[in-house]
Protein backbone atom coordinates (compact mmCIF):
# COMPACT_ATOMS: atom_id res chain seq x y z
CA MET A 1 46.68 -18.89 -60.85
CA ASP A 2 49.56 -20.44 -62.77
CA ALA A 3 49.85 -24.19 -63.08
CA PRO A 4 51.57 -25.84 -60.08
CA LYS A 5 55.33 -26.22 -60.48
CA ASN A 6 55.38 -29.45 -58.41
CA ILE A 7 52.96 -32.06 -57.10
CA VAL A 8 54.84 -32.88 -53.90
CA GLY A 9 54.27 -29.62 -52.02
CA PRO A 10 51.04 -30.55 -50.23
CA GLN A 11 52.47 -33.91 -49.15
CA VAL A 12 55.67 -32.27 -47.89
CA ALA A 13 53.49 -29.90 -45.84
CA ALA A 14 51.39 -32.78 -44.49
CA LEU A 15 54.46 -34.81 -43.49
CA ARG A 16 56.08 -31.76 -41.90
CA ASN A 17 52.92 -30.97 -39.98
CA GLY A 18 52.73 -34.61 -38.89
CA TYR A 19 56.02 -34.08 -37.08
CA GLY A 20 54.74 -30.83 -35.61
CA TRP A 21 57.54 -28.96 -37.37
CA SER A 22 57.48 -25.42 -38.66
CA GLN A 23 58.83 -24.65 -42.11
CA ALA A 24 61.89 -23.19 -40.38
CA LYS A 25 62.43 -26.47 -38.50
CA LEU A 26 62.25 -28.50 -41.74
CA ALA A 27 64.74 -26.11 -43.35
CA ALA A 28 67.06 -26.55 -40.36
CA VAL A 29 66.83 -30.35 -40.56
CA CYS A 30 67.61 -30.16 -44.28
CA GLN A 31 70.56 -27.88 -43.57
CA LEU A 32 71.95 -30.33 -41.02
CA ALA A 33 71.70 -33.02 -43.71
CA GLY A 34 73.76 -30.88 -46.09
CA TRP A 35 71.15 -29.03 -48.16
CA ASP A 36 71.48 -25.25 -47.83
CA VAL A 37 67.80 -24.32 -47.96
CA SER A 38 65.76 -21.56 -46.34
CA ARG A 39 62.31 -21.46 -44.81
CA GLY A 40 61.23 -19.42 -47.82
CA VAL A 41 62.22 -22.18 -50.22
CA ILE A 42 60.28 -24.72 -48.14
CA ALA A 43 57.26 -22.39 -48.28
CA ARG A 44 57.58 -22.10 -52.07
CA ILE A 45 57.81 -25.89 -52.42
CA GLU A 46 54.77 -26.42 -50.22
CA GLY A 47 52.88 -23.69 -52.09
CA GLN A 48 53.73 -25.43 -55.37
CA VAL A 49 55.36 -22.31 -56.80
CA LYS A 50 58.88 -23.80 -56.92
CA TRP A 51 60.00 -26.59 -59.19
CA VAL A 52 61.66 -29.41 -57.20
CA SER A 53 64.70 -31.20 -58.59
CA ASP A 54 65.44 -34.88 -58.14
CA THR A 55 68.23 -34.12 -55.68
CA GLU A 56 65.90 -31.87 -53.69
CA LEU A 57 63.36 -34.71 -53.56
CA LEU A 58 66.05 -36.96 -52.11
CA GLN A 59 66.97 -34.33 -49.51
CA LEU A 60 63.33 -33.81 -48.52
CA ALA A 61 62.74 -37.55 -48.21
CA LYS A 62 65.84 -37.90 -46.05
CA ALA A 63 64.85 -35.00 -43.78
CA LEU A 64 61.27 -36.26 -43.44
CA LYS A 65 62.44 -39.89 -42.97
CA VAL A 66 60.29 -41.28 -45.78
CA GLY A 67 60.90 -42.87 -49.14
CA VAL A 68 60.69 -40.63 -52.19
CA PRO A 69 57.35 -42.19 -53.27
CA GLU A 70 55.77 -40.95 -50.02
CA LEU A 71 56.43 -37.37 -51.14
CA PHE A 72 53.98 -37.83 -54.01
CA PRO A 73 50.18 -37.82 -53.79
CA PRO A 74 48.81 -41.36 -53.25
CA ARG A 75 47.32 -41.50 -56.75
CA GLU A 76 50.79 -40.92 -58.25
CA ARG A 77 52.64 -43.56 -56.21
CA LYS A 78 51.56 -46.33 -58.57
CA PHE A 79 54.30 -45.16 -60.93
CA PHE A 80 56.95 -46.27 -58.44
CA ARG A 81 55.97 -49.94 -58.51
């Protein structure tokens, strides 16, 4: 397997699942917020096969109603202090 392209994918999936949302639902919420994204892109982010830009991180945080640090694994959040 190739090296992961992002470290936020598993946390995005966990947050999404916490809402009981499908990947399609998260994509729809992102679209309503102004980010034209598909379910497939969400799947690639969660599967860590897509690199995530800073603006995409902001859009994901907004859609999931969390701060950007919450998108990162707990061990990485120390860098936001």
